[in-house]
């Protein structure tokens, strides 16, 4: 099992990293894929935050985070420039992710997003789609991101489940940035 960690914890561990640039934030209708991932009913509104994250001074990830407004009333007033806003929001609302489904796929970067990531159009990137769930199985958030593979890598430790069907979660380290040698 992977620990539920990501860029916010990495940024907290490296205070020299710039904060994410917020490109947009506000209530809206979710995309069809986000609505399905979050289990939303027709017409339910979400808060969408689109931001650009950097590693080592280079744009590294373009993220869209979608949160159901019904689960996070008043969240639109939060400071989305704070890299730990998700942690703070979860504490405020008493919601904590217990598990997440994450899909990574290599794709050609669309032209507009490539410009923001400072790479050539159609350059290979990872498309990361992740939905986090609380301990009751209710979806908390959905992430759709384009991540530069030349700056960021994916590491997973896979284990055979024990006789109870669970995996030992000891010695699970954080996902670390990939560095070119």
N, C-alpha and C. Protein backbone atom coordinates (compact mmCIF):
# COMPACT_ATOMS: atom_id res chain seq x y z
N UNK A 1 0.85 -1.18 0.00
CA UNK A 1 0.00 0.00 0.00
C UNK A 1 0.89 1.24 0.00
N UNK A 2 0.47 2.23 -0.71
CA UNK A 2 1.19 3.50 -0.75
C UNK A 2 0.62 4.43 0.31
N UNK A 3 1.48 5.22 0.91
CA UNK A 3 1.03 6.24 1.84
C UNK A 3 0.32 7.33 1.04
N UNK A 4 -0.71 7.92 1.63
CA UNK A 4 -1.42 9.01 0.96
C UNK A 4 -0.62 10.29 1.15
N UNK A 5 0.36 10.48 0.29
CA UNK A 5 1.24 11.65 0.34
C UNK A 5 1.40 12.17 -1.07
N UNK A 6 1.74 13.40 -1.20
CA UNK A 6 1.94 13.96 -2.52
C UNK A 6 2.73 15.25 -2.45
N UNK A 7 2.50 16.10 -3.43
CA UNK A 7 3.23 17.35 -3.51
C UNK A 7 3.15 18.19 -2.24
N UNK A 8 1.98 18.33 -1.58
CA UNK A 8 1.96 19.20 -0.39
C UNK A 8 2.96 18.78 0.66
N UNK A 9 3.10 17.49 0.92
CA UNK A 9 4.06 17.03 1.93
C UNK A 9 5.47 17.23 1.45
N UNK A 10 5.70 17.07 0.15
CA UNK A 10 7.04 17.30 -0.39
C UNK A 10 7.41 18.77 -0.25
N UNK A 11 6.45 19.66 -0.53
CA UNK A 11 6.74 21.08 -0.41
C UNK A 11 7.00 21.46 1.04
N UNK A 12 6.26 20.86 1.96
CA UNK A 12 6.47 21.16 3.37
C UNK A 12 7.86 20.70 3.81
N UNK A 13 8.33 19.59 3.22
CA UNK A 13 9.65 19.08 3.57
C UNK A 13 10.76 19.92 2.94
N UNK A 14 10.46 20.66 1.91
CA UNK A 14 11.44 21.51 1.23
C UNK A 14 10.90 22.93 1.15
N UNK A 15 11.06 23.71 2.24
CA UNK A 15 10.48 25.04 2.28
C UNK A 15 11.03 25.99 1.22
N UNK A 16 12.10 25.63 0.54
CA UNK A 16 12.64 26.47 -0.51
C UNK A 16 11.83 26.41 -1.80
N UNK A 17 10.92 25.45 -1.90
CA UNK A 17 10.11 25.32 -3.10
C UNK A 17 9.08 26.45 -3.14
N UNK A 18 8.83 27.01 -4.33
CA UNK A 18 7.80 28.04 -4.43
C UNK A 18 6.42 27.43 -4.22
N UNK A 19 5.50 28.26 -3.75
CA UNK A 19 4.13 27.80 -3.57
C UNK A 19 3.49 27.60 -4.94
N UNK A 20 2.47 26.76 -4.99
CA UNK A 20 1.81 26.55 -6.29
C UNK A 20 1.17 27.84 -6.78
N UNK A 21 1.18 28.02 -8.08
CA UNK A 21 0.51 29.17 -8.68
C UNK A 21 -0.93 28.78 -8.94
N UNK A 22 -1.86 29.51 -8.35
CA UNK A 22 -3.28 29.23 -8.55
C UNK A 22 -3.70 29.87 -9.87
N UNK A 23 -4.17 29.05 -10.79
CA UNK A 23 -4.61 29.54 -12.08
C UNK A 23 -6.09 29.90 -12.06
N UNK A 24 -6.87 29.14 -11.31
CA UNK A 24 -8.30 29.44 -11.13
C UNK A 24 -8.81 28.67 -9.93
N UNK A 25 -9.83 29.19 -9.30
CA UNK A 25 -10.48 28.52 -8.16
C UNK A 25 -11.88 29.06 -8.04
N UNK A 26 -12.84 28.15 -7.96
CA UNK A 26 -14.20 28.60 -7.77
C UNK A 26 -15.22 27.50 -8.00
N UNK A 27 -16.46 27.78 -7.62
CA UNK A 27 -17.53 26.80 -7.81
C UNK A 27 -17.84 26.64 -9.31
N UNK A 28 -18.21 25.42 -9.69
CA UNK A 28 -18.56 25.15 -11.08
C UNK A 28 -19.27 23.80 -11.17
N UNK A 29 -19.66 23.44 -12.37
CA UNK A 29 -20.18 22.10 -12.62
C UNK A 29 -18.98 21.20 -12.93
N UNK A 30 -18.97 19.99 -12.41
CA UNK A 30 -17.83 19.10 -12.65
C UNK A 30 -17.84 18.54 -14.06
N UNK A 31 -16.68 18.12 -14.52
CA UNK A 31 -16.62 17.38 -15.78
C UNK A 31 -17.36 16.06 -15.55
N UNK A 32 -17.73 15.41 -16.63
CA UNK A 32 -18.44 14.14 -16.51
C UNK A 32 -17.61 13.11 -15.76
N UNK A 33 -16.29 13.05 -16.06
CA UNK A 33 -15.44 12.06 -15.39
C UNK A 33 -15.29 12.37 -13.90
N UNK A 34 -15.20 13.64 -13.53
CA UNK A 34 -15.09 14.00 -12.11
C UNK A 34 -16.40 13.70 -11.38
N UNK A 35 -17.54 13.96 -12.02
CA UNK A 35 -18.83 13.68 -11.40
C UNK A 35 -18.99 12.19 -11.12
N UNK A 36 -18.59 11.36 -12.08
CA UNK A 36 -18.67 9.91 -11.88
C UNK A 36 -17.71 9.48 -10.78
N UNK A 37 -16.46 9.97 -10.81
CA UNK A 37 -15.46 9.59 -9.81
C UNK A 37 -15.90 9.96 -8.39
N UNK A 38 -16.57 11.11 -8.27
CA UNK A 38 -17.00 11.59 -6.97
C UNK A 38 -18.39 11.07 -6.57
N UNK A 39 -19.07 10.37 -7.48
CA UNK A 39 -20.40 9.85 -7.19
C UNK A 39 -21.43 10.94 -6.99
N UNK A 40 -21.33 12.01 -7.78
CA UNK A 40 -22.23 13.15 -7.61
C UNK A 40 -23.54 12.95 -8.36
N UNK A 41 -24.59 13.55 -7.81
CA UNK A 41 -25.87 13.53 -8.50
C UNK A 41 -25.89 14.63 -9.55
N UNK A 42 -26.78 14.50 -10.49
CA UNK A 42 -26.89 15.47 -11.58
C UNK A 42 -27.11 16.88 -11.03
N UNK A 43 -26.36 17.82 -11.52
CA UNK A 43 -26.52 19.22 -11.10
C UNK A 43 -25.76 19.60 -9.85
N UNK A 44 -25.15 18.64 -9.18
CA UNK A 44 -24.39 18.97 -7.96
C UNK A 44 -23.15 19.77 -8.34
N UNK A 45 -22.88 20.83 -7.58
CA UNK A 45 -21.75 21.71 -7.88
C UNK A 45 -20.52 21.31 -7.07
N UNK A 46 -19.39 21.71 -7.61
CA UNK A 46 -18.11 21.40 -6.99
C UNK A 46 -17.27 22.67 -6.88
N UNK A 47 -16.21 22.56 -6.12
CA UNK A 47 -15.19 23.59 -6.10
C UNK A 47 -14.03 23.02 -6.91
N UNK A 48 -13.59 23.73 -7.93
CA UNK A 48 -12.46 23.29 -8.74
C UNK A 48 -11.30 24.26 -8.55
N UNK A 49 -10.14 23.71 -8.26
CA UNK A 49 -8.93 24.51 -8.09
C UNK A 49 -7.93 24.02 -9.14
N UNK A 50 -7.50 24.91 -9.99
CA UNK A 50 -6.49 24.57 -11.00
C UNK A 50 -5.22 25.31 -10.62
N UNK A 51 -4.12 24.54 -10.48
CA UNK A 51 -2.87 25.17 -10.06
C UNK A 51 -1.68 24.53 -10.75
N UNK A 52 -0.61 25.30 -10.79
CA UNK A 52 0.65 24.87 -11.40
C UNK A 52 1.67 24.71 -10.28
N UNK A 53 2.25 23.52 -10.19
CA UNK A 53 3.25 23.23 -9.17
C UNK A 53 4.63 23.19 -9.80
N UNK A 54 5.64 23.56 -9.01
CA UNK A 54 7.02 23.58 -9.49
C UNK A 54 7.90 22.70 -8.62
N UNK A 55 8.94 22.18 -9.23
CA UNK A 55 10.01 21.46 -8.53
C UNK A 55 11.32 22.01 -9.06
N UNK A 56 12.22 22.33 -8.17
CA UNK A 56 13.54 22.84 -8.54
C UNK A 56 13.45 24.02 -9.50
N UNK A 57 12.44 24.85 -9.31
CA UNK A 57 12.29 26.05 -10.12
C UNK A 57 11.68 25.84 -11.50
N UNK A 58 11.22 24.63 -11.80
CA UNK A 58 10.62 24.34 -13.10
C UNK A 58 9.17 23.91 -12.93
N UNK A 59 8.26 24.38 -13.81
CA UNK A 59 6.88 23.89 -13.74
C UNK A 59 6.89 22.36 -13.86
N UNK A 60 6.24 21.68 -12.93
CA UNK A 60 6.30 20.22 -12.88
C UNK A 60 4.95 19.54 -13.04
N UNK A 61 3.87 20.20 -12.59
CA UNK A 61 2.56 19.56 -12.64
C UNK A 61 1.47 20.61 -12.77
N UNK A 62 0.52 20.31 -13.60
CA UNK A 62 -0.68 21.12 -13.77
C UNK A 62 -1.83 20.31 -13.20
N UNK A 63 -2.41 20.78 -12.10
CA UNK A 63 -3.41 20.01 -11.38
C UNK A 63 -4.77 20.69 -11.41
N UNK A 64 -5.81 19.87 -11.49
CA UNK A 64 -7.17 20.32 -11.24
C UNK A 64 -7.70 19.45 -10.12
N UNK A 65 -8.01 20.08 -9.00
CA UNK A 65 -8.54 19.40 -7.83
C UNK A 65 -10.02 19.76 -7.74
N UNK A 66 -10.87 18.75 -7.62
CA UNK A 66 -12.31 18.96 -7.58
C UNK A 66 -12.84 18.40 -6.26
N UNK A 67 -13.57 19.25 -5.53
CA UNK A 67 -14.14 18.86 -4.24
C UNK A 67 -15.64 19.12 -4.25
N UNK A 68 -16.46 18.16 -3.79
CA UNK A 68 -17.91 18.38 -3.75
C UNK A 68 -18.26 19.45 -2.73
N UNK A 69 -18.96 20.49 -3.15
CA UNK A 69 -19.33 21.57 -2.22
C UNK A 69 -20.23 21.07 -1.10
N UNK A 70 -21.01 20.03 -1.36
CA UNK A 70 -21.89 19.50 -0.32
C UNK A 70 -21.09 18.92 0.85
N UNK A 71 -19.87 18.48 0.62
CA UNK A 71 -19.04 17.92 1.68
C UNK A 71 -18.19 18.99 2.35
N UNK A 72 -17.97 20.12 1.65
CA UNK A 72 -17.08 21.17 2.15
C UNK A 72 -17.77 22.54 2.06
N UNK A 73 -18.87 22.76 2.79
CA UNK A 73 -19.53 24.07 2.71
C UNK A 73 -18.60 25.18 3.19
N UNK A 74 -18.55 26.27 2.43
CA UNK A 74 -17.71 27.40 2.80
C UNK A 74 -16.26 27.27 2.39
N UNK A 75 -15.90 26.19 1.74
CA UNK A 75 -14.50 25.97 1.37
C UNK A 75 -14.00 27.02 0.39
N UNK A 76 -14.88 27.60 -0.39
CA UNK A 76 -14.46 28.59 -1.39
C UNK A 76 -13.73 29.77 -0.76
N UNK A 77 -13.88 29.96 0.56
CA UNK A 77 -13.21 31.08 1.25
C UNK A 77 -11.79 30.74 1.69
N UNK A 78 -11.34 29.49 1.50
CA UNK A 78 -10.00 29.09 1.94
C UNK A 78 -8.91 29.72 1.07
N UNK A 79 -7.69 29.73 1.60
CA UNK A 79 -6.52 30.24 0.89
C UNK A 79 -5.90 29.10 0.10
N UNK A 80 -6.16 29.07 -1.20
CA UNK A 80 -5.69 27.97 -2.03
C UNK A 80 -4.22 28.08 -2.37
N UNK A 81 -3.59 29.21 -2.09
CA UNK A 81 -2.16 29.36 -2.34
C UNK A 81 -1.34 28.61 -1.30
N UNK A 82 -1.94 28.29 -0.15
CA UNK A 82 -1.25 27.53 0.87
C UNK A 82 -1.13 26.08 0.40
N UNK A 83 0.11 25.54 0.26
CA UNK A 83 0.24 24.18 -0.25
C UNK A 83 -0.42 23.13 0.64
N UNK A 84 -0.72 23.48 1.87
CA UNK A 84 -1.35 22.53 2.77
C UNK A 84 -2.85 22.80 2.91
N UNK A 85 -3.46 23.55 1.95
CA UNK A 85 -4.87 23.89 2.09
C UNK A 85 -5.74 22.64 2.20
N UNK A 86 -5.39 21.57 1.51
CA UNK A 86 -6.17 20.33 1.57
C UNK A 86 -6.16 19.74 2.97
N UNK A 87 -4.99 19.75 3.60
CA UNK A 87 -4.87 19.24 4.96
C UNK A 87 -5.69 20.11 5.91
N UNK A 88 -5.57 21.43 5.75
CA UNK A 88 -6.31 22.34 6.62
C UNK A 88 -7.81 22.19 6.43
N UNK A 89 -8.25 22.06 5.17
CA UNK A 89 -9.68 21.90 4.88
C UNK A 89 -10.20 20.59 5.47
N UNK A 90 -9.40 19.53 5.36
CA UNK A 90 -9.83 18.24 5.92
C UNK A 90 -9.99 18.33 7.43
N UNK A 91 -9.06 19.03 8.08
CA UNK A 91 -9.16 19.20 9.54
C UNK A 91 -10.40 20.01 9.89
N UNK A 92 -10.64 21.08 9.16
CA UNK A 92 -11.78 21.96 9.42
C UNK A 92 -13.10 21.20 9.30
N UNK A 93 -13.19 20.29 8.33
CA UNK A 93 -14.44 19.59 8.07
C UNK A 93 -14.44 18.17 8.67
N UNK A 94 -13.36 17.79 9.33
CA UNK A 94 -13.30 16.49 9.97
C UNK A 94 -13.27 15.32 9.00
N UNK A 95 -12.83 15.58 7.79
CA UNK A 95 -12.77 14.53 6.77
C UNK A 95 -11.32 14.19 6.50
N UNK A 96 -11.05 12.91 6.46
CA UNK A 96 -9.67 12.45 6.26
C UNK A 96 -9.68 11.32 5.24
N UNK A 97 -8.79 11.39 4.24
CA UNK A 97 -8.76 10.30 3.27
C UNK A 97 -8.24 9.02 3.91
N UNK A 98 -8.95 7.93 3.67
CA UNK A 98 -8.54 6.63 4.19
C UNK A 98 -7.93 5.78 3.09
N UNK A 99 -8.31 6.06 1.85
CA UNK A 99 -7.76 5.34 0.71
C UNK A 99 -7.94 6.19 -0.53
N UNK A 100 -7.23 5.81 -1.56
CA UNK A 100 -7.35 6.53 -2.83
C UNK A 100 -7.13 5.56 -3.98
N UNK A 101 -7.80 5.82 -5.06
CA UNK A 101 -7.57 5.11 -6.31
C UNK A 101 -6.80 6.06 -7.21
N UNK A 102 -5.66 5.61 -7.71
CA UNK A 102 -4.81 6.46 -8.53
C UNK A 102 -4.48 5.75 -9.83
N UNK A 103 -4.64 6.46 -10.93
CA UNK A 103 -4.31 5.92 -12.26
C UNK A 103 -3.28 6.84 -12.90
N UNK A 104 -2.17 6.24 -13.36
CA UNK A 104 -1.13 6.97 -14.06
C UNK A 104 -1.09 6.47 -15.49
N UNK A 105 -1.08 7.40 -16.45
CA UNK A 105 -1.03 7.01 -17.85
C UNK A 105 -0.12 7.98 -18.59
N UNK A 106 0.76 7.45 -19.43
CA UNK A 106 1.61 8.31 -20.26
C UNK A 106 0.75 8.82 -21.42
N UNK A 107 0.77 10.13 -21.62
CA UNK A 107 -0.01 10.76 -22.69
C UNK A 107 0.82 11.86 -23.34
N UNK A 108 0.39 12.29 -24.53
CA UNK A 108 1.00 13.45 -25.19
C UNK A 108 0.37 14.70 -24.59
N UNK A 109 1.18 15.64 -24.18
CA UNK A 109 0.68 16.86 -23.53
C UNK A 109 0.00 17.77 -24.55
N UNK A 110 -1.24 18.18 -24.27
CA UNK A 110 -1.91 19.14 -25.16
C UNK A 110 -1.15 20.46 -25.21
N UNK A 111 -1.32 21.18 -26.31
CA UNK A 111 -0.53 22.39 -26.57
C UNK A 111 -0.67 23.45 -25.48
N UNK A 112 -1.87 23.78 -25.05
CA UNK A 112 -2.06 24.83 -24.05
C UNK A 112 -1.39 24.46 -22.72
N UNK A 113 -1.54 23.20 -22.31
CA UNK A 113 -0.94 22.75 -21.05
C UNK A 113 0.58 22.66 -21.18
N UNK A 114 1.07 22.27 -22.37
CA UNK A 114 2.52 22.20 -22.60
C UNK A 114 3.16 23.57 -22.42
N UNK A 115 2.47 24.59 -22.87
CA UNK A 115 3.00 25.95 -22.72
C UNK A 115 3.16 26.30 -21.23
N UNK A 116 2.16 25.96 -20.42
CA UNK A 116 2.23 26.23 -18.98
C UNK A 116 3.34 25.41 -18.31
N UNK A 117 3.55 24.19 -18.79
CA UNK A 117 4.58 23.32 -18.22
C UNK A 117 5.97 23.58 -18.81
N UNK A 118 6.04 24.50 -19.78
CA UNK A 118 7.29 24.87 -20.44
C UNK A 118 7.97 23.68 -21.11
N UNK A 119 7.15 22.92 -21.85
CA UNK A 119 7.64 21.80 -22.64
C UNK A 119 7.02 21.89 -24.03
N UNK A 120 7.52 21.13 -24.95
CA UNK A 120 6.98 21.13 -26.30
C UNK A 120 5.61 20.47 -26.36
N UNK A 121 4.77 20.95 -27.26
CA UNK A 121 3.46 20.34 -27.47
C UNK A 121 3.67 18.87 -27.83
N UNK A 122 2.81 18.03 -27.32
CA UNK A 122 2.84 16.58 -27.53
C UNK A 122 4.00 15.88 -26.81
N UNK A 123 4.74 16.61 -25.95
CA UNK A 123 5.77 15.96 -25.14
C UNK A 123 5.10 14.94 -24.22
N UNK A 124 5.79 13.85 -23.90
CA UNK A 124 5.17 12.86 -23.01
C UNK A 124 5.08 13.38 -21.58
N UNK A 125 3.94 13.18 -20.97
CA UNK A 125 3.70 13.52 -19.57
C UNK A 125 2.90 12.38 -18.95
N UNK A 126 2.88 12.34 -17.63
CA UNK A 126 1.99 11.41 -16.93
C UNK A 126 0.66 12.13 -16.71
N UNK A 127 -0.43 11.46 -17.02
CA UNK A 127 -1.74 11.96 -16.62
C UNK A 127 -2.11 11.17 -15.38
N UNK A 128 -2.32 11.88 -14.29
CA UNK A 128 -2.63 11.26 -13.01
C UNK A 128 -4.08 11.60 -12.68
N UNK A 129 -4.85 10.57 -12.47
CA UNK A 129 -6.23 10.74 -12.00
C UNK A 129 -6.33 10.00 -10.68
N UNK A 130 -6.74 10.73 -9.64
CA UNK A 130 -6.81 10.12 -8.30
C UNK A 130 -8.07 10.59 -7.60
N UNK A 131 -8.77 9.65 -7.02
CA UNK A 131 -9.94 9.97 -6.20
C UNK A 131 -9.67 9.45 -4.80
N UNK A 132 -9.82 10.34 -3.81
CA UNK A 132 -9.60 9.99 -2.41
C UNK A 132 -10.95 9.77 -1.74
N UNK A 133 -10.98 8.78 -0.83
CA UNK A 133 -12.21 8.40 -0.14
C UNK A 133 -12.01 8.43 1.36
N UNK A 134 -13.08 8.72 2.11
CA UNK A 134 -13.00 8.67 3.57
C UNK A 134 -13.17 7.22 4.04
N UNK A 135 -13.14 7.01 5.35
CA UNK A 135 -13.21 5.66 5.89
C UNK A 135 -14.56 4.98 5.64
N UNK A 136 -15.56 5.76 5.25
CA UNK A 136 -16.89 5.20 4.95
C UNK A 136 -17.07 4.95 3.46
N UNK A 137 -16.01 5.20 2.67
CA UNK A 137 -16.09 4.96 1.23
C UNK A 137 -16.67 6.11 0.43
N UNK A 138 -16.90 7.25 1.05
CA UNK A 138 -17.42 8.43 0.34
C UNK A 138 -16.27 9.21 -0.27
N UNK A 139 -16.44 9.60 -1.51
CA UNK A 139 -15.40 10.36 -2.22
C UNK A 139 -15.23 11.74 -1.61
N UNK A 140 -13.97 12.13 -1.39
CA UNK A 140 -13.64 13.44 -0.83
C UNK A 140 -13.15 14.41 -1.89
N UNK A 141 -12.31 13.93 -2.79
CA UNK A 141 -11.72 14.81 -3.79
C UNK A 141 -11.30 14.00 -5.00
N UNK A 142 -11.22 14.70 -6.12
CA UNK A 142 -10.76 14.09 -7.36
C UNK A 142 -9.67 14.99 -7.93
N UNK A 143 -8.57 14.38 -8.32
CA UNK A 143 -7.44 15.09 -8.91
C UNK A 143 -7.27 14.63 -10.35
N UNK A 144 -7.07 15.57 -11.24
CA UNK A 144 -6.70 15.26 -12.62
C UNK A 144 -5.49 16.15 -12.90
N UNK A 145 -4.34 15.52 -13.16
CA UNK A 145 -3.10 16.28 -13.29
C UNK A 145 -2.29 15.80 -14.48
N UNK A 146 -1.52 16.72 -15.03
CA UNK A 146 -0.50 16.41 -16.03
C UNK A 146 0.83 16.67 -15.35
N UNK A 147 1.69 15.64 -15.30
CA UNK A 147 2.94 15.71 -14.56
C UNK A 147 4.10 15.44 -15.50
N UNK A 148 5.08 16.33 -15.47
CA UNK A 148 6.28 16.15 -16.30
C UNK A 148 7.07 14.95 -15.81
N UNK A 149 7.26 13.99 -16.70
CA UNK A 149 8.01 12.79 -16.36
C UNK A 149 9.50 13.02 -16.24
N UNK A 150 10.02 14.11 -16.82
CA UNK A 150 11.45 14.39 -16.71
C UNK A 150 11.82 15.00 -15.36
N UNK A 151 10.81 15.44 -14.60
CA UNK A 151 11.08 16.04 -13.29
C UNK A 151 10.50 15.22 -12.14
N UNK A 152 9.60 14.31 -12.44
CA UNK A 152 8.90 13.61 -11.39
C UNK A 152 8.76 12.15 -11.75
N UNK A 153 8.97 11.27 -10.80
CA UNK A 153 8.84 9.84 -11.03
C UNK A 153 7.83 9.22 -10.10
N UNK A 154 7.49 8.01 -10.39
CA UNK A 154 6.53 7.26 -9.60
C UNK A 154 7.24 6.05 -9.02
N UNK A 155 7.05 5.84 -7.74
CA UNK A 155 7.66 4.70 -7.05
C UNK A 155 6.57 4.01 -6.25
N UNK A 156 6.50 2.69 -6.34
CA UNK A 156 5.50 1.94 -5.59
C UNK A 156 6.15 0.71 -4.98
N UNK A 157 5.75 0.41 -3.77
CA UNK A 157 6.15 -0.83 -3.12
C UNK A 157 4.90 -1.69 -3.04
N UNK A 158 4.94 -2.85 -3.65
CA UNK A 158 3.81 -3.75 -3.68
C UNK A 158 4.07 -4.90 -2.74
N UNK A 159 3.05 -5.30 -1.99
CA UNK A 159 3.19 -6.38 -1.03
C UNK A 159 2.04 -7.36 -1.17
N UNK A 160 2.33 -8.60 -0.86
CA UNK A 160 1.29 -9.61 -0.83
C UNK A 160 0.46 -9.39 0.43
N UNK A 161 -0.87 -9.42 0.30
CA UNK A 161 -1.71 -9.25 1.51
C UNK A 161 -1.49 -10.39 2.49
N UNK A 162 -1.65 -10.09 3.78
CA UNK A 162 -1.54 -11.13 4.79
C UNK A 162 -2.84 -11.95 4.81
N UNK A 163 -2.96 -12.87 5.75
CA UNK A 163 -4.13 -13.75 5.78
C UNK A 163 -5.44 -13.00 6.03
N UNK A 164 -5.37 -11.78 6.53
CA UNK A 164 -6.57 -10.97 6.74
C UNK A 164 -6.91 -10.12 5.52
N UNK A 165 -6.05 -10.18 4.50
CA UNK A 165 -6.31 -9.41 3.30
C UNK A 165 -5.77 -8.00 3.34
N UNK A 166 -4.97 -7.69 4.36
CA UNK A 166 -4.39 -6.35 4.46
C UNK A 166 -2.90 -6.44 4.19
N UNK A 167 -2.30 -5.33 3.86
CA UNK A 167 -0.86 -5.27 3.64
C UNK A 167 -0.19 -4.59 4.82
N UNK A 168 1.01 -5.02 5.12
CA UNK A 168 1.81 -4.37 6.16
C UNK A 168 2.16 -2.98 5.66
N UNK A 169 1.86 -1.96 6.43
CA UNK A 169 2.11 -0.59 5.98
C UNK A 169 3.39 -0.01 6.56
N UNK A 170 4.19 -0.81 7.20
CA UNK A 170 5.45 -0.30 7.71
C UNK A 170 6.44 -0.15 6.57
N UNK A 171 7.39 0.71 6.76
CA UNK A 171 8.45 0.95 5.78
C UNK A 171 7.93 1.47 4.45
N UNK A 172 6.79 2.13 4.46
CA UNK A 172 6.29 2.76 3.24
C UNK A 172 6.79 4.20 3.25
N UNK A 173 7.65 4.51 2.32
CA UNK A 173 8.24 5.84 2.28
C UNK A 173 7.44 6.77 1.41
N UNK A 174 7.79 8.04 1.40
CA UNK A 174 7.08 9.01 0.57
C UNK A 174 7.45 8.83 -0.90
N UNK A 175 6.59 9.33 -1.75
CA UNK A 175 6.92 9.40 -3.17
C UNK A 175 7.91 10.54 -3.30
N UNK A 176 9.02 10.29 -3.95
CA UNK A 176 10.08 11.30 -4.03
C UNK A 176 10.24 11.81 -5.44
N UNK A 177 10.63 13.08 -5.60
CA UNK A 177 10.86 13.61 -6.94
C UNK A 177 11.99 12.85 -7.64
N UNK A 178 11.81 12.67 -8.92
CA UNK A 178 12.84 12.03 -9.75
C UNK A 178 13.82 13.10 -10.15
N UNK A 179 15.09 12.82 -10.02
CA UNK A 179 16.13 13.78 -10.41
C UNK A 179 16.92 13.20 -11.55
N UNK A 180 17.15 14.01 -12.58
CA UNK A 180 18.03 13.57 -13.68
C UNK A 180 19.44 13.47 -13.15
N UNK A 181 20.21 12.48 -13.64
CA UNK A 181 21.60 12.38 -13.21
C UNK A 181 22.51 13.01 -14.24
